[in-house]
Each structure stands twice: as C-alpha cells, then as structure tokens.
Amino acid sequence: MNNRKVLNALLGSTILSTLFSFVVIALTVFHHFQMQNSLKEIADKVDRGSNQG
C-alpha cells in the first residue's frame, strides 16, 4: 500500500513537471516570435528614418 502511494505521488509529480515544461517551452517560443516582430518593426522605423534624410 505504501508503495502504491509513492508510485502515485511520483506519477503525479512527473505529469505536473512535464506540463510545466511544456508551458515554459510554449511561452519561450511565443516570446521569441513576439521579440522578433518587435525588432522587425524597430528596424523598419530605423530604415524609414534613414531614407528621409
């Protein structure tokens, strides 16, 4: 019985850890694309500014 409780606790911990990892990876990918778009917008503004002068 004690073994069963330990196995259930380990399984639950593993599942939670895996879900947390997926969330962190998803947020990292989202942040990467968000920063990429922001940097592209800044580069476009800089290009437009240098073409006006």
C-alpha atoms as a PDB file:
ATOM      1  CA  MET A   1       0.000   0.000   0.000  1.00  0.00           C
ATOM      2  CA  ASN A   2       2.813   2.382   0.845  1.00  0.00           C
ATOM      3  CA  ASN A   3       4.478   1.513  -2.459  1.00  0.00           C
ATOM      4  CA  ARG A   4       1.291   2.411  -4.330  1.00  0.00           C
ATOM      5  CA  LYS A   5       1.156   5.847  -2.657  1.00  0.00           C
ATOM      6  CA  VAL A   6       4.783   6.539  -3.556  1.00  0.00           C
ATOM      7  CA  LEU A   7       4.229   5.472  -7.166  1.00  0.00           C
ATOM      8  CA  ASN A   8       1.121   7.655  -7.439  1.00  0.00           C
ATOM      9  CA  ALA A   9       2.993  10.608  -5.977  1.00  0.00           C
ATOM     10  CA  LEU A  10       5.874  10.092  -8.406  1.00  0.00           C
ATOM     11  CA  LEU A  11       3.499   9.775 -11.346  1.00  0.00           C
ATOM     12  CA  GLY A  12       1.622  12.920 -10.371  1.00  0.00           C
ATOM     13  CA  SER A  13       4.863  14.816  -9.867  1.00  0.00           C
ATOM     14  CA  THR A  14       6.179  13.656 -13.232  1.00  0.00           C
ATOM     15  CA  ILE A  15       2.991  14.696 -15.020  1.00  0.00           C
ATOM     16  CA  LEU A  16       2.984  18.131 -13.373  1.00  0.00           C
ATOM     17  CA  SER A  17       6.660  18.621 -14.166  1.00  0.00           C
ATOM     18  CA  THR A  18       6.101  17.662 -17.799  1.00  0.00           C
ATOM     19  CA  LEU A  19       3.143  20.022 -18.140  1.00  0.00           C
ATOM     20  CA  PHE A  20       5.152  22.826 -16.565  1.00  0.00           C
ATOM     21  CA  SER A  21       7.995  22.192 -19.020  1.00  0.00           C
ATOM     22  CA  PHE A  22       5.613  22.352 -21.981  1.00  0.00           C
ATOM     23  CA  VAL A  23       4.157  25.631 -20.701  1.00  0.00           C
ATOM     24  CA  VAL A  24       7.635  27.128 -20.308  1.00  0.00           C
ATOM     25  CA  ILE A  25       8.638  25.983 -23.809  1.00  0.00           C
ATOM     26  CA  ALA A  26       5.421  27.372 -25.317  1.00  0.00           C
ATOM     27  CA  LEU A  27       5.914  30.732 -23.588  1.00  0.00           C
ATOM     28  CA  THR A  28       9.541  30.832 -24.732  1.00  0.00           C
ATOM     29  CA  VAL A  29       8.533  30.235 -28.358  1.00  0.00           C
ATOM     30  CA  PHE A  30       5.758  32.843 -28.085  1.00  0.00           C
ATOM     31  CA  HIS A  31       8.195  35.356 -26.581  1.00  0.00           C
ATOM     32  CA  HIS A  32      10.754  34.639 -29.307  1.00  0.00           C
ATOM     33  CA  PHE A  33       8.283  35.439 -32.090  1.00  0.00           C
ATOM     34  CA  GLN A  34       6.974  38.478 -30.224  1.00  0.00           C
ATOM     35  CA  MET A  35      10.517  39.872 -29.863  1.00  0.00           C
ATOM     36  CA  GLN A  36      11.260  39.044 -33.500  1.00  0.00           C
ATOM     37  CA  ASN A  37       8.228  41.091 -34.611  1.00  0.00           C
ATOM     38  CA  SER A  38       9.178  43.973 -32.317  1.00  0.00           C
ATOM     39  CA  LEU A  39      12.733  44.040 -33.636  1.00  0.00           C
ATOM     40  CA  LYS A  40      11.424  43.951 -37.227  1.00  0.00           C
ATOM     41  CA  GLU A  41       9.168  46.938 -36.506  1.00  0.00           C
ATOM     42  CA  ILE A  42      12.074  48.862 -34.966  1.00  0.00           C
ATOM     43  CA  ALA A  43      14.311  48.017 -37.932  1.00  0.00           C
ATOM     44  CA  ASP A  44      11.606  49.230 -40.345  1.00  0.00           C
ATOM     45  CA  LYS A  45      11.305  52.516 -38.447  1.00  0.00           C
ATOM     46  CA  VAL A  46      15.079  52.990 -38.487  1.00  0.00           C
ATOM     47  CA  ASP A  47      15.189  52.247 -42.224  1.00  0.00           C
ATOM     48  CA  ARG A  48      12.408  54.757 -42.915  1.00  0.00           C
ATOM     49  CA  GLY A  49      14.168  57.375 -40.801  1.00  0.00           C
ATOM     50  CA  SER A  50      17.476  56.975 -42.614  1.00  0.00           C
ATOM     51  CA  ASN A  51      15.768  57.152 -46.041  1.00  0.00           C
ATOM     52  CA  GLN A  52      14.148  60.514 -45.213  1.00  0.00           C
ATOM     53  CA  GLY A  53      17.426  62.320 -44.522  1.00  0.00           C
END
